[in-house]
């Protein structure tokens, strides 16, 4: 899941497009800025590296949610993590 805050400027629009293309390269597009799929450890590293080059870490938010099993997940955030300390994913 990603959120590119600045969608009005040309730079922000370009980041939205680039992040979308990177996500689509590695995952299946599920809904708006949500992508799902399986990925190997080595491809996850490449995915992260590509995103870090494109996003503005002070403005943009990318959440990588890794499901360990049906009941356990781990969240990794790239960019800004300005959200309440308690978050709920539905």
N, C-alpha and C. Protein backbone atom coordinates (compact mmCIF):
# COMPACT_ATOMS: atom_id res chain seq x y z
N UNK A 1 0.85 -1.15 0.00
CA UNK A 1 0.00 0.00 0.00
C UNK A 1 0.91 1.23 0.00
N UNK A 2 0.52 2.23 -0.77
CA UNK A 2 1.33 3.44 -0.79
C UNK A 2 0.45 4.68 -0.79
N UNK A 3 1.03 5.78 -0.34
CA UNK A 3 0.36 7.08 -0.37
C UNK A 3 1.41 8.12 -0.74
N UNK A 4 1.25 8.69 -1.91
CA UNK A 4 2.12 9.77 -2.36
C UNK A 4 1.34 11.05 -2.08
N UNK A 5 1.78 11.81 -1.10
CA UNK A 5 1.01 12.96 -0.61
C UNK A 5 0.85 14.06 -1.64
N UNK A 6 1.90 14.36 -2.36
CA UNK A 6 1.89 15.47 -3.31
C UNK A 6 1.46 14.96 -4.69
N UNK A 7 0.18 15.06 -4.99
CA UNK A 7 -0.30 14.62 -6.31
C UNK A 7 -0.64 15.80 -7.21
N UNK A 8 -0.38 17.02 -6.75
CA UNK A 8 -0.69 18.21 -7.53
C UNK A 8 0.49 18.68 -8.38
N UNK A 9 1.69 18.57 -7.84
CA UNK A 9 2.86 19.02 -8.59
C UNK A 9 3.26 17.97 -9.63
N UNK A 10 4.03 18.41 -10.59
CA UNK A 10 4.50 17.49 -11.63
C UNK A 10 5.39 16.40 -11.03
N UNK A 11 6.24 16.79 -10.08
CA UNK A 11 7.13 15.81 -9.42
C UNK A 11 6.31 14.76 -8.67
N UNK A 12 5.27 15.19 -7.97
CA UNK A 12 4.42 14.26 -7.24
C UNK A 12 3.69 13.31 -8.17
N UNK A 13 3.16 13.84 -9.27
CA UNK A 13 2.47 13.00 -10.26
C UNK A 13 3.43 11.97 -10.84
N UNK A 14 4.66 12.39 -11.10
CA UNK A 14 5.66 11.46 -11.63
C UNK A 14 5.97 10.35 -10.63
N UNK A 15 6.06 10.71 -9.34
CA UNK A 15 6.33 9.69 -8.31
C UNK A 15 5.18 8.69 -8.23
N UNK A 16 3.94 9.18 -8.31
CA UNK A 16 2.79 8.28 -8.28
C UNK A 16 2.89 7.26 -9.42
N UNK A 17 3.16 7.74 -10.61
CA UNK A 17 3.27 6.86 -11.78
C UNK A 17 4.41 5.86 -11.62
N UNK A 18 5.56 6.33 -11.16
CA UNK A 18 6.72 5.44 -11.01
C UNK A 18 6.49 4.39 -9.93
N UNK A 19 5.93 4.80 -8.79
CA UNK A 19 5.67 3.84 -7.72
C UNK A 19 4.66 2.80 -8.19
N UNK A 20 3.62 3.23 -8.89
CA UNK A 20 2.63 2.29 -9.42
C UNK A 20 3.30 1.26 -10.33
N UNK A 21 4.15 1.72 -11.23
CA UNK A 21 4.82 0.81 -12.17
C UNK A 21 5.74 -0.17 -11.45
N UNK A 22 6.45 0.30 -10.44
CA UNK A 22 7.32 -0.60 -9.67
C UNK A 22 6.48 -1.65 -8.96
N UNK A 23 5.41 -1.23 -8.31
CA UNK A 23 4.55 -2.18 -7.60
C UNK A 23 3.95 -3.20 -8.56
N UNK A 24 3.50 -2.73 -9.73
CA UNK A 24 2.89 -3.62 -10.73
C UNK A 24 3.91 -4.62 -11.28
N UNK A 25 5.16 -4.25 -11.30
CA UNK A 25 6.22 -5.13 -11.78
C UNK A 25 6.39 -6.35 -10.86
N UNK A 26 6.14 -6.17 -9.56
CA UNK A 26 6.38 -7.23 -8.59
C UNK A 26 5.11 -7.90 -8.06
N UNK A 27 3.96 -7.21 -8.16
CA UNK A 27 2.73 -7.71 -7.54
C UNK A 27 1.54 -7.54 -8.47
N UNK A 28 0.41 -8.10 -8.07
CA UNK A 28 -0.85 -7.95 -8.80
C UNK A 28 -1.58 -6.73 -8.24
N UNK A 29 -2.07 -5.89 -9.15
CA UNK A 29 -2.81 -4.71 -8.73
C UNK A 29 -4.16 -5.15 -8.18
N UNK A 30 -4.45 -4.78 -6.95
CA UNK A 30 -5.67 -5.22 -6.28
C UNK A 30 -6.72 -4.11 -6.26
N UNK A 31 -6.33 -2.92 -5.81
CA UNK A 31 -7.28 -1.81 -5.70
C UNK A 31 -6.50 -0.52 -5.49
N UNK A 32 -6.76 0.48 -6.31
CA UNK A 32 -6.10 1.78 -6.22
C UNK A 32 -4.62 1.65 -5.91
N UNK A 33 -4.20 1.91 -4.67
CA UNK A 33 -2.77 1.83 -4.33
C UNK A 33 -2.45 0.57 -3.53
N UNK A 34 -3.26 -0.47 -3.71
CA UNK A 34 -3.07 -1.74 -3.00
C UNK A 34 -2.61 -2.79 -4.01
N UNK A 35 -1.53 -3.48 -3.66
CA UNK A 35 -1.01 -4.56 -4.48
C UNK A 35 -0.84 -5.79 -3.61
N UNK A 36 -1.03 -6.97 -4.20
CA UNK A 36 -0.91 -8.22 -3.44
C UNK A 36 -0.11 -9.23 -4.25
N UNK A 37 0.51 -10.16 -3.54
CA UNK A 37 1.21 -11.24 -4.23
C UNK A 37 2.31 -11.83 -3.37
N UNK A 38 2.86 -12.90 -3.88
CA UNK A 38 3.99 -13.56 -3.23
C UNK A 38 5.28 -13.04 -3.84
N UNK A 39 6.33 -13.04 -3.02
CA UNK A 39 7.61 -12.53 -3.51
C UNK A 39 8.74 -13.24 -2.76
N UNK A 40 9.82 -13.51 -3.48
CA UNK A 40 10.99 -14.12 -2.84
C UNK A 40 11.76 -13.04 -2.08
N UNK A 41 12.63 -13.47 -1.20
CA UNK A 41 13.44 -12.52 -0.42
C UNK A 41 14.30 -11.65 -1.32
N UNK A 42 14.90 -12.25 -2.33
CA UNK A 42 15.78 -11.47 -3.21
C UNK A 42 14.99 -10.45 -4.03
N UNK A 43 13.81 -10.81 -4.49
CA UNK A 43 12.98 -9.85 -5.24
C UNK A 43 12.43 -8.77 -4.32
N UNK A 44 12.17 -9.09 -3.06
CA UNK A 44 11.72 -8.09 -2.10
C UNK A 44 12.80 -7.04 -1.88
N UNK A 45 14.04 -7.47 -1.82
CA UNK A 45 15.17 -6.54 -1.68
C UNK A 45 15.22 -5.60 -2.88
N UNK A 46 15.10 -6.14 -4.09
CA UNK A 46 15.11 -5.32 -5.31
C UNK A 46 13.93 -4.34 -5.32
N UNK A 47 12.76 -4.83 -4.92
CA UNK A 47 11.55 -4.01 -4.85
C UNK A 47 11.79 -2.81 -3.93
N UNK A 48 12.30 -3.07 -2.74
CA UNK A 48 12.59 -2.01 -1.77
C UNK A 48 13.57 -0.99 -2.34
N UNK A 49 14.64 -1.49 -2.95
CA UNK A 49 15.67 -0.61 -3.50
C UNK A 49 15.10 0.30 -4.58
N UNK A 50 14.27 -0.26 -5.45
CA UNK A 50 13.66 0.55 -6.52
C UNK A 50 12.76 1.63 -5.94
N UNK A 51 11.97 1.27 -4.93
CA UNK A 51 11.08 2.26 -4.31
C UNK A 51 11.85 3.37 -3.63
N UNK A 52 12.92 3.03 -2.93
CA UNK A 52 13.69 4.03 -2.19
C UNK A 52 14.30 5.09 -3.11
N UNK A 53 14.59 4.71 -4.35
CA UNK A 53 15.13 5.65 -5.32
C UNK A 53 14.06 6.66 -5.76
N UNK A 54 12.81 6.23 -5.80
CA UNK A 54 11.72 7.03 -6.36
C UNK A 54 11.00 7.89 -5.33
N UNK A 55 10.73 7.35 -4.15
CA UNK A 55 9.88 8.07 -3.19
C UNK A 55 10.62 9.23 -2.52
N UNK A 56 9.85 10.18 -2.06
CA UNK A 56 10.36 11.26 -1.22
C UNK A 56 10.11 10.81 0.22
N UNK A 57 11.15 10.44 0.93
CA UNK A 57 11.00 9.85 2.26
C UNK A 57 10.40 10.81 3.28
N UNK A 58 10.39 12.10 2.99
CA UNK A 58 9.80 13.07 3.91
C UNK A 58 8.29 13.23 3.68
N UNK A 59 7.82 12.87 2.50
CA UNK A 59 6.41 13.09 2.15
C UNK A 59 5.62 11.81 1.91
N UNK A 60 6.26 10.81 1.32
CA UNK A 60 5.56 9.63 0.85
C UNK A 60 5.56 8.50 1.88
N UNK A 61 4.59 7.61 1.73
CA UNK A 61 4.41 6.50 2.67
C UNK A 61 4.19 5.23 1.87
N UNK A 62 5.00 4.22 2.14
CA UNK A 62 4.82 2.90 1.54
C UNK A 62 4.81 1.88 2.67
N UNK A 63 3.76 1.08 2.71
CA UNK A 63 3.63 0.05 3.74
C UNK A 63 3.73 -1.31 3.07
N UNK A 64 4.70 -2.11 3.50
CA UNK A 64 4.86 -3.47 3.01
C UNK A 64 4.41 -4.38 4.15
N UNK A 65 3.33 -5.10 3.92
CA UNK A 65 2.79 -5.98 4.95
C UNK A 65 3.11 -7.41 4.57
N UNK A 66 3.91 -8.06 5.40
CA UNK A 66 4.34 -9.44 5.14
C UNK A 66 3.53 -10.36 6.04
N UNK A 67 2.76 -11.24 5.42
CA UNK A 67 1.97 -12.21 6.19
C UNK A 67 2.85 -13.42 6.51
N UNK A 68 3.01 -13.70 7.78
CA UNK A 68 3.79 -14.85 8.21
C UNK A 68 2.92 -16.11 8.16
N UNK A 69 1.66 -15.95 8.53
CA UNK A 69 0.64 -16.99 8.42
C UNK A 69 -0.72 -16.29 8.48
N UNK A 70 -1.80 -17.04 8.64
CA UNK A 70 -3.14 -16.45 8.63
C UNK A 70 -3.36 -15.43 9.74
N UNK A 71 -2.60 -15.54 10.82
CA UNK A 71 -2.86 -14.71 11.99
C UNK A 71 -1.73 -13.75 12.36
N UNK A 72 -0.60 -13.86 11.71
CA UNK A 72 0.57 -13.05 12.09
C UNK A 72 1.08 -12.29 10.86
N UNK A 73 1.29 -10.99 11.05
CA UNK A 73 1.87 -10.19 9.98
C UNK A 73 2.92 -9.25 10.54
N UNK A 74 3.75 -8.76 9.64
CA UNK A 74 4.79 -7.79 9.99
C UNK A 74 4.67 -6.64 9.00
N UNK A 75 4.75 -5.42 9.49
CA UNK A 75 4.67 -4.25 8.62
C UNK A 75 6.02 -3.56 8.56
N UNK A 76 6.41 -3.23 7.35
CA UNK A 76 7.63 -2.46 7.12
C UNK A 76 7.21 -1.17 6.41
N UNK A 77 7.70 -0.04 6.89
CA UNK A 77 7.32 1.25 6.31
C UNK A 77 8.53 1.90 5.66
N UNK A 78 8.33 2.36 4.43
CA UNK A 78 9.34 3.16 3.74
C UNK A 78 8.80 4.58 3.67
N UNK A 79 9.65 5.55 3.87
CA UNK A 79 9.22 6.94 3.84
C UNK A 79 8.69 7.37 5.20
N UNK A 80 7.78 8.33 5.18
CA UNK A 80 7.26 8.89 6.41
C UNK A 80 6.31 7.90 7.09
N UNK A 81 6.34 7.89 8.38
CA UNK A 81 5.46 7.00 9.15
C UNK A 81 4.61 7.85 10.08
N UNK A 82 4.06 8.92 9.53
CA UNK A 82 3.24 9.83 10.34
C UNK A 82 1.80 9.34 10.36
N UNK A 83 1.55 8.38 11.22
CA UNK A 83 0.21 7.85 11.42
C UNK A 83 0.04 7.61 12.91
N UNK A 84 -1.18 7.47 13.37
CA UNK A 84 -1.37 7.21 14.80
C UNK A 84 -0.64 5.95 15.23
N UNK A 85 -0.26 5.89 16.49
CA UNK A 85 0.48 4.73 16.98
C UNK A 85 -0.34 3.46 16.91
N UNK A 86 -1.66 3.58 16.91
CA UNK A 86 -2.53 2.42 16.75
C UNK A 86 -3.20 2.51 15.40
N UNK A 87 -2.93 1.54 14.54
CA UNK A 87 -3.54 1.52 13.21
C UNK A 87 -4.34 0.25 13.06
N UNK A 88 -5.35 0.32 12.23
CA UNK A 88 -6.20 -0.84 12.00
C UNK A 88 -6.30 -1.07 10.51
N UNK A 89 -5.96 -2.26 10.06
CA UNK A 89 -6.09 -2.64 8.66
C UNK A 89 -7.29 -3.56 8.54
N UNK A 90 -8.19 -3.25 7.65
CA UNK A 90 -9.37 -4.09 7.43
C UNK A 90 -9.35 -4.65 6.04
